[in-house]
């Protein structure tokens, strides 16, 4: 999130905490609003807890303990109103090509109700990604790569963008399972990108992975845990 602020990448309002007491004191004084409380570490896709107001957010902050070390550092983040989507690009460290877009469905009940799961399924491409949204998404990818270059943290590989279409345009979020929807990229395209090894080839701007034109739907059986 700090990287996004530094390089003018649109993102929700947020604050990082390293103690539950500090977060609860903050919520006692903050304007009442809806939040997401997010564990900083891996939590099987279940470390993002929605809270409809400050009081509920305090309870969700206390639940960070159940994630062990993954919940020792956590994020309080503005609950964005809009429709989610995911986008994937592959980069050689300087350039990138879009691989595809998808929409993950994580809430346990219909109509986006209930707790988040590790992922219930996804569809690709999502109808929410219009030409205007795709243009904004490409701008975010470019700002990210340019920022990594300036930070001297050259990254070669797949870039994941978790997006939210809001009234102000695309903003970044965090997510995970939607890669399932765009995974069926042709073998020849992947060979062109990676060659005979596992390193992205140079001059990626001249190589397109050709995202599948057909729609795809992926279903993930819910865990019994």
C-alpha atoms as a PDB file:
ATOM      1  CA  UNK A   1       0.000   0.000   0.000  1.00  0.00           C
ATOM      2  CA  UNK A   2       2.849   2.411   0.784  1.00  0.00           C
ATOM      3  CA  UNK A   3       4.313   1.662  -2.669  1.00  0.00           C
ATOM      4  CA  UNK A   4       0.942   2.552  -4.236  1.00  0.00           C
ATOM      5  CA  UNK A   5       0.784   5.883  -2.417  1.00  0.00           C
ATOM      6  CA  UNK A   6       4.352   6.721  -3.443  1.00  0.00           C
ATOM      7  CA  UNK A   7       3.727   6.052  -7.137  1.00  0.00           C
ATOM      8  CA  UNK A   8       0.179   7.444  -7.353  1.00  0.00           C
ATOM      9  CA  UNK A   9      -1.534   4.080  -7.857  1.00  0.00           C
ATOM     10  CA  UNK A  10      -5.216   4.415  -6.859  1.00  0.00           C
ATOM     11  CA  UNK A  11      -5.961   2.507  -3.656  1.00  0.00           C
ATOM     12  CA  UNK A  12      -8.359   2.678  -0.681  1.00  0.00           C
ATOM     13  CA  UNK A  13      -7.581   4.587   2.494  1.00  0.00           C
ATOM     14  CA  UNK A  14      -5.628   2.326   4.867  1.00  0.00           C
ATOM     15  CA  UNK A  15      -3.612   2.111   8.074  1.00  0.00           C
ATOM     16  CA  UNK A  16      -1.146  -0.589   9.176  1.00  0.00           C
ATOM     17  CA  UNK A  17      -1.133  -1.844  12.786  1.00  0.00           C
ATOM     18  CA  UNK A  18       1.212  -4.033  14.802  1.00  0.00           C
ATOM     19  CA  UNK A  19      -0.942  -4.285  17.914  1.00  0.00           C
ATOM     20  CA  UNK A  20      -4.644  -4.870  18.471  1.00  0.00           C
ATOM     21  CA  UNK A  21      -4.765  -2.250  21.214  1.00  0.00           C
ATOM     22  CA  UNK A  22      -3.437   0.416  18.851  1.00  0.00           C
ATOM     23  CA  UNK A  23      -6.048  -0.494  16.208  1.00  0.00           C
ATOM     24  CA  UNK A  24      -8.928  -0.470  18.699  1.00  0.00           C
ATOM     25  CA  UNK A  25      -7.858   2.943  20.044  1.00  0.00           C
ATOM     26  CA  UNK A  26      -7.787   4.217  16.450  1.00  0.00           C
ATOM     27  CA  UNK A  27     -11.310   2.886  15.784  1.00  0.00           C
ATOM     28  CA  UNK A  28     -12.639   4.499  18.963  1.00  0.00           C
ATOM     29  CA  UNK A  29     -11.625   7.898  17.576  1.00  0.00           C
ATOM     30  CA  UNK A  30     -12.152   7.380  13.826  1.00  0.00           C
ATOM     31  CA  UNK A  31     -15.255   8.327  11.857  1.00  0.00           C
ATOM     32  CA  UNK A  32     -17.734   5.449  11.857  1.00  0.00           C
ATOM     33  CA  UNK A  33     -17.544   3.593   8.536  1.00  0.00           C
ATOM     34  CA  UNK A  34     -17.274   0.164   6.949  1.00  0.00           C
ATOM     35  CA  UNK A  35     -13.833  -1.507   6.956  1.00  0.00           C
ATOM     36  CA  UNK A  36     -11.910  -4.561   5.931  1.00  0.00           C
ATOM     37  CA  UNK A  37      -9.462  -5.990   8.471  1.00  0.00           C
ATOM     38  CA  UNK A  38      -6.698  -7.867   6.644  1.00  0.00           C
ATOM     39  CA  UNK A  39      -3.992 -10.164   8.006  1.00  0.00           C
ATOM     40  CA  UNK A  40      -0.591  -9.388   6.495  1.00  0.00           C
ATOM     41  CA  UNK A  41       0.489 -13.019   6.138  1.00  0.00           C
ATOM     42  CA  UNK A  42      -0.892 -16.094   4.413  1.00  0.00           C
ATOM     43  CA  UNK A  43      -4.238 -17.266   5.809  1.00  0.00           C
ATOM     44  CA  UNK A  44      -5.567 -19.793   3.258  1.00  0.00           C
ATOM     45  CA  UNK A  45      -7.462 -17.004   1.494  1.00  0.00           C
ATOM     46  CA  UNK A  46      -9.514 -16.327   4.661  1.00  0.00           C
ATOM     47  CA  UNK A  47      -7.512 -13.505   6.242  1.00  0.00           C
ATOM     48  CA  UNK A  48      -9.773 -10.676   5.036  1.00  0.00           C
ATOM     49  CA  UNK A  49     -12.603  -9.920   7.487  1.00  0.00           C
ATOM     50  CA  UNK A  50     -15.421  -7.487   6.563  1.00  0.00           C
ATOM     51  CA  UNK A  51     -16.828  -5.112   9.167  1.00  0.00           C
ATOM     52  CA  UNK A  52     -19.878  -2.893   8.597  1.00  0.00           C
ATOM     53  CA  UNK A  53     -18.917  -0.286  11.226  1.00  0.00           C
ATOM     54  CA  UNK A  54     -16.235   0.645  13.768  1.00  0.00           C
ATOM     55  CA  UNK A  55     -17.716  -1.549  16.493  1.00  0.00           C
ATOM     56  CA  UNK A  56     -17.713  -4.660  14.302  1.00  0.00           C
ATOM     57  CA  UNK A  57     -14.206  -3.759  13.091  1.00  0.00           C
ATOM     58  CA  UNK A  58     -12.953  -3.903  16.693  1.00  0.00           C
ATOM     59  CA  UNK A  59     -14.246  -7.487  16.982  1.00  0.00           C
ATOM     60  CA  UNK A  60     -12.580  -8.410  13.681  1.00  0.00           C
ATOM     61  CA  UNK A  61      -9.315  -6.880  14.926  1.00  0.00           C
ATOM     62  CA  UNK A  62      -9.436  -9.230  17.933  1.00  0.00           C
ATOM     63  CA  UNK A  63      -9.914 -12.147  15.517  1.00  0.00           C
ATOM     64  CA  UNK A  64      -6.490 -11.463  13.980  1.00  0.00           C
ATOM     65  CA  UNK A  65      -5.101 -13.642  16.795  1.00  0.00           C
ATOM     66  CA  UNK A  66      -6.536 -16.779  15.170  1.00  0.00           C
ATOM     67  CA  UNK A  67      -4.154 -16.330  12.217  1.00  0.00           C
ATOM     68  CA  UNK A  68      -1.075 -16.633  14.442  1.00  0.00           C
ATOM     69  CA  UNK A  69       2.031 -14.917  13.046  1.00  0.00           C
ATOM     70  CA  UNK A  70       0.118 -14.017   9.867  1.00  0.00           C
ATOM     71  CA  UNK A  71      -2.145 -11.768  11.941  1.00  0.00           C
ATOM     72  CA  UNK A  72       0.507 -10.063  14.067  1.00  0.00           C
ATOM     73  CA  UNK A  73       0.677  -7.231  11.518  1.00  0.00           C
ATOM     74  CA  UNK A  74      -2.627  -6.300   9.920  1.00  0.00           C
ATOM     75  CA  UNK A  75      -4.331  -3.663   7.838  1.00  0.00           C
ATOM     76  CA  UNK A  76      -7.434  -1.586   8.423  1.00  0.00           C
ATOM     77  CA  UNK A  77      -8.704  -0.605   4.993  1.00  0.00           C
ATOM     78  CA  UNK A  78     -11.616   1.397   3.635  1.00  0.00           C
ATOM     79  CA  UNK A  79     -14.450  -0.842   2.393  1.00  0.00           C
ATOM     80  CA  UNK A  80     -14.716   0.100  -1.271  1.00  0.00           C
ATOM     81  CA  UNK A  81     -18.151   0.080  -2.865  1.00  0.00           C
ATOM     82  CA  UNK A  82     -18.074  -1.403  -6.351  1.00  0.00           C
ATOM     83  CA  UNK A  83     -17.488  -4.563  -8.346  1.00  0.00           C
ATOM     84  CA  UNK A  84     -14.311  -6.627  -8.060  1.00  0.00           C
ATOM     85  CA  UNK A  85     -12.186  -8.078 -10.836  1.00  0.00           C
ATOM     86  CA  UNK A  86      -8.682  -9.446 -11.315  1.00  0.00           C
ATOM     87  CA  UNK A  87      -6.143  -8.899 -14.085  1.00  0.00           C
ATOM     88  CA  UNK A  88      -2.882 -10.699 -14.844  1.00  0.00           C
ATOM     89  CA  UNK A  89       0.119  -9.527 -16.844  1.00  0.00           C
ATOM     90  CA  UNK A  90       3.550 -10.982 -17.488  1.00  0.00           C
ATOM     91  CA  UNK A  91       6.648  -8.789 -17.401  1.00  0.00           C
ATOM     92  CA  UNK A  92      10.280  -9.020 -18.457  1.00  0.00           C
ATOM     93  CA  UNK A  93      11.217  -6.333 -15.920  1.00  0.00           C
ATOM     94  CA  UNK A  94      10.681  -3.371 -18.262  1.00  0.00           C
ATOM     95  CA  UNK A  95       7.662  -4.206 -20.440  1.00  0.00           C
ATOM     96  CA  UNK A  96       4.493  -6.251 -19.959  1.00  0.00           C
ATOM     97  CA  UNK A  97       1.713  -8.055 -21.775  1.00  0.00           C
ATOM     98  CA  UNK A  98      -1.804  -8.582 -20.444  1.00  0.00           C
ATOM     99  CA  UNK A  99      -2.611 -12.276 -19.960  1.00  0.00           C
ATOM    100  CA  UNK A 100      -6.294 -11.908 -19.158  1.00  0.00           C
ATOM    101  CA  UNK A 101      -8.966 -10.823 -16.678  1.00  0.00           C
ATOM    102  CA  UNK A 102     -11.261 -12.765 -14.361  1.00  0.00           C
ATOM    103  CA  UNK A 103     -13.721 -12.365 -11.499  1.00  0.00           C
ATOM    104  CA  UNK A 104     -13.375 -14.384  -8.296  1.00  0.00           C
ATOM    105  CA  UNK A 105     -16.324 -15.139  -6.018  1.00  0.00           C
ATOM    106  CA  UNK A 106     -15.363 -15.542  -2.360  1.00  0.00           C
ATOM    107  CA  UNK A 107     -18.379 -14.856  -0.097  1.00  0.00           C
ATOM    108  CA  UNK A 108     -19.957 -18.034   1.266  1.00  0.00           C
ATOM    109  CA  UNK A 109     -23.590 -17.093   0.474  1.00  0.00           C
ATOM    110  CA  UNK A 110     -25.450 -15.655  -2.511  1.00  0.00           C
ATOM    111  CA  UNK A 111     -25.707 -11.885  -3.073  1.00  0.00           C
ATOM    112  CA  UNK A 112     -22.221 -11.265  -1.560  1.00  0.00           C
ATOM    113  CA  UNK A 113     -23.350 -12.182   1.931  1.00  0.00           C
ATOM    114  CA  UNK A 114     -21.474 -14.136   4.614  1.00  0.00           C
ATOM    115  CA  UNK A 115     -17.808 -14.571   5.436  1.00  0.00           C
ATOM    116  CA  UNK A 116     -15.042 -14.792   2.843  1.00  0.00           C
ATOM    117  CA  UNK A 117     -13.902 -18.268   1.805  1.00  0.00           C
ATOM    118  CA  UNK A 118     -10.701 -19.326   0.079  1.00  0.00           C
ATOM    119  CA  UNK A 119     -12.626 -18.921  -3.195  1.00  0.00           C
ATOM    120  CA  UNK A 120     -15.889 -20.420  -4.466  1.00  0.00           C
ATOM    121  CA  UNK A 121     -15.168 -20.106  -8.184  1.00  0.00           C
ATOM    122  CA  UNK A 122     -14.511 -17.574 -10.931  1.00  0.00           C
ATOM    123  CA  UNK A 123     -15.481 -16.480 -14.444  1.00  0.00           C
ATOM    124  CA  UNK A 124     -13.429 -15.023 -17.288  1.00  0.00           C
ATOM    125  CA  UNK A 125     -13.599 -12.501 -18.835  1.00  0.00           C
ATOM    126  CA  UNK A 126     -15.839 -10.544 -16.437  1.00  0.00           C
ATOM    127  CA  UNK A 127     -18.432  -8.181 -17.902  1.00  0.00           C
ATOM    128  CA  UNK A 128     -17.302  -5.408 -15.539  1.00  0.00           C
ATOM    129  CA  UNK A 129     -14.030  -4.978 -17.484  1.00  0.00           C
ATOM    130  CA  UNK A 130     -15.049  -2.509 -20.195  1.00  0.00           C
ATOM    131  CA  UNK A 131     -12.597  -0.812 -22.577  1.00  0.00           C
ATOM    132  CA  UNK A 132     -12.387   2.147 -20.177  1.00  0.00           C
ATOM    133  CA  UNK A 133     -11.663  -0.104 -17.181  1.00  0.00           C
ATOM    134  CA  UNK A 134      -9.103  -2.070 -19.185  1.00  0.00           C
ATOM    135  CA  UNK A 135      -7.300   1.166 -20.127  1.00  0.00           C
ATOM    136  CA  UNK A 136      -7.100   2.187 -16.458  1.00  0.00           C
ATOM    137  CA  UNK A 137      -5.890  -1.313 -15.573  1.00  0.00           C
ATOM    138  CA  UNK A 138      -3.067  -1.098 -18.121  1.00  0.00           C
ATOM    139  CA  UNK A 139      -2.055   2.289 -16.675  1.00  0.00           C
ATOM    140  CA  UNK A 140      -1.825   0.718 -13.209  1.00  0.00           C
ATOM    141  CA  UNK A 141       0.394  -2.090 -14.526  1.00  0.00           C
ATOM    142  CA  UNK A 142       2.688   0.478 -16.166  1.00  0.00           C
ATOM    143  CA  UNK A 143       2.925   2.620 -13.012  1.00  0.00           C
ATOM    144  CA  UNK A 144       3.755  -0.526 -11.019  1.00  0.00           C
ATOM    145  CA  UNK A 145       6.561  -1.632 -13.339  1.00  0.00           C
ATOM    146  CA  UNK A 146       7.980   1.911 -13.631  1.00  0.00           C
ATOM    147  CA  UNK A 147       7.889   2.203  -9.823  1.00  0.00           C
ATOM    148  CA  UNK A 148       9.704  -1.108  -9.352  1.00  0.00           C
ATOM    149  CA  UNK A 149      12.406   0.063 -11.764  1.00  0.00           C
ATOM    150  CA  UNK A 150      12.841   3.296  -9.777  1.00  0.00           C
ATOM    151  CA  UNK A 151      13.066   1.252  -6.567  1.00  0.00           C
ATOM    152  CA  UNK A 152      15.731  -0.939  -8.220  1.00  0.00           C
ATOM    153  CA  UNK A 153      13.524  -3.985  -7.594  1.00  0.00           C
ATOM    154  CA  UNK A 154      13.317  -5.389 -11.111  1.00  0.00           C
ATOM    155  CA  UNK A 155      10.566  -7.995 -11.286  1.00  0.00           C
ATOM    156  CA  UNK A 156      10.282 -10.640 -14.011  1.00  0.00           C
ATOM    157  CA  UNK A 157       7.212 -12.857 -13.971  1.00  0.00           C
ATOM    158  CA  UNK A 158       3.449 -12.645 -13.505  1.00  0.00           C
ATOM    159  CA  UNK A 159       1.932  -9.468 -12.051  1.00  0.00           C
ATOM    160  CA  UNK A 160      -1.449  -9.776 -10.341  1.00  0.00           C
ATOM    161  CA  UNK A 161      -3.814  -6.808 -10.123  1.00  0.00           C
ATOM    162  CA  UNK A 162      -6.800  -7.030  -7.801  1.00  0.00           C
ATOM    163  CA  UNK A 163      -9.110  -4.269  -8.990  1.00  0.00           C
ATOM    164  CA  UNK A 164     -12.355  -2.684  -7.848  1.00  0.00           C
ATOM    165  CA  UNK A 165     -14.541  -0.628 -10.177  1.00  0.00           C
ATOM    166  CA  UNK A 166     -15.722   2.319  -8.068  1.00  0.00           C
ATOM    167  CA  UNK A 167     -17.388   5.641  -8.876  1.00  0.00           C
ATOM    168  CA  UNK A 168     -13.889   7.176  -8.917  1.00  0.00           C
ATOM    169  CA  UNK A 169     -12.526   4.538 -11.314  1.00  0.00           C
ATOM    170  CA  UNK A 170     -10.333   1.488 -10.728  1.00  0.00           C
ATOM    171  CA  UNK A 171      -8.760   1.046  -7.293  1.00  0.00           C
ATOM    172  CA  UNK A 172      -6.452  -1.707  -6.106  1.00  0.00           C
ATOM    173  CA  UNK A 173      -7.390  -4.455  -3.658  1.00  0.00           C
ATOM    174  CA  UNK A 174      -5.981  -7.875  -2.671  1.00  0.00           C
ATOM    175  CA  UNK A 175      -7.273 -11.293  -3.773  1.00  0.00           C
ATOM    176  CA  UNK A 176      -6.107 -14.696  -5.026  1.00  0.00           C
ATOM    177  CA  UNK A 177      -8.081 -17.453  -6.766  1.00  0.00           C
ATOM    178  CA  UNK A 178      -9.025 -15.830 -10.087  1.00  0.00           C
ATOM    179  CA  UNK A 179      -6.008 -17.156 -12.009  1.00  0.00           C
ATOM    180  CA  UNK A 180      -8.042 -20.346 -12.487  1.00  0.00           C
ATOM    181  CA  UNK A 181     -10.221 -18.524 -15.007  1.00  0.00           C
ATOM    182  CA  UNK A 182      -7.419 -17.511 -17.376  1.00  0.00           C
ATOM    183  CA  UNK A 183      -5.075 -20.480 -16.912  1.00  0.00           C
ATOM    184  CA  UNK A 184      -5.998 -22.128 -20.252  1.00  0.00           C
ATOM    185  CA  UNK A 185      -3.482 -20.054 -22.269  1.00  0.00           C
ATOM    186  CA  UNK A 186      -2.048 -21.957 -25.225  1.00  0.00           C
ATOM    187  CA  UNK A 187       1.135 -23.957 -24.687  1.00  0.00           C
ATOM    188  CA  UNK A 188       2.829 -22.306 -27.674  1.00  0.00           C
ATOM    189  CA  UNK A 189       2.270 -18.847 -26.172  1.00  0.00           C
ATOM    190  CA  UNK A 190       3.803 -19.900 -22.863  1.00  0.00           C
ATOM    191  CA  UNK A 191       6.795 -21.403 -24.675  1.00  0.00           C
ATOM    192  CA  UNK A 192       7.277 -18.089 -26.476  1.00  0.00           C
ATOM    193  CA  UNK A 193       7.253 -16.241 -23.153  1.00  0.00           C
ATOM    194  CA  UNK A 194       9.464 -18.595 -21.154  1.00  0.00           C
ATOM    195  CA  UNK A 195      11.573 -20.380 -23.771  1.00  0.00           C
ATOM    196  CA  UNK A 196      13.033 -23.692 -22.688  1.00  0.00           C
ATOM    197  CA  UNK A 197      13.550 -22.629 -19.052  1.00  0.00           C
ATOM    198  CA  UNK A 198      11.599 -20.775 -16.385  1.00  0.00           C
ATOM    199  CA  UNK A 199      12.892 -17.251 -17.144  1.00  0.00           C
ATOM    200  CA  UNK A 200      10.789 -14.673 -18.960  1.00  0.00           C
ATOM    201  CA  UNK A 201      12.370 -13.873 -22.324  1.00  0.00           C
ATOM    202  CA  UNK A 202      13.519 -10.297 -23.151  1.00  0.00           C
ATOM    203  CA  UNK A 203      11.519  -7.964 -25.434  1.00  0.00           C
ATOM    204  CA  UNK A 204       8.206  -9.159 -24.100  1.00  0.00           C
ATOM    205  CA  UNK A 205       6.443  -6.337 -25.977  1.00  0.00           C
ATOM    206  CA  UNK A 206       6.918  -8.346 -29.168  1.00  0.00           C
ATOM    207  CA  UNK A 207       5.351 -11.485 -27.709  1.00  0.00           C
ATOM    208  CA  UNK A 208       1.644 -11.705 -26.961  1.00  0.00           C
ATOM    209  CA  UNK A 209       0.217 -14.553 -24.830  1.00  0.00           C
ATOM    210  CA  UNK A 210      -3.090 -14.244 -26.768  1.00  0.00           C
ATOM    211  CA  UNK A 211      -5.699 -14.519 -23.975  1.00  0.00           C
ATOM    212  CA  UNK A 212      -8.473 -16.969 -24.855  1.00  0.00           C
ATOM    213  CA  UNK A 213     -11.439 -15.270 -26.531  1.00  0.00           C
ATOM    214  CA  UNK A 214     -14.017 -17.748 -25.184  1.00  0.00           C
ATOM    215  CA  UNK A 215     -15.690 -17.295 -21.813  1.00  0.00           C
ATOM    216  CA  UNK A 216     -14.686 -19.645 -19.014  1.00  0.00           C
ATOM    217  CA  UNK A 217     -16.239 -20.590 -15.697  1.00  0.00           C
ATOM    218  CA  UNK A 218     -14.303 -22.245 -12.896  1.00  0.00           C
ATOM    219  CA  UNK A 219     -15.887 -23.814  -9.826  1.00  0.00           C
ATOM    220  CA  UNK A 220     -13.938 -24.513  -6.636  1.00  0.00           C
ATOM    221  CA  UNK A 221     -15.593 -26.963  -4.200  1.00  0.00           C
ATOM    222  CA  UNK A 222     -15.826 -25.300  -0.762  1.00  0.00           C
ATOM    223  CA  UNK A 223     -13.630 -26.704   1.978  1.00  0.00           C
ATOM    224  CA  UNK A 224     -15.221 -28.534   4.889  1.00  0.00           C
ATOM    225  CA  UNK A 225     -12.947 -26.600   7.271  1.00  0.00           C
END
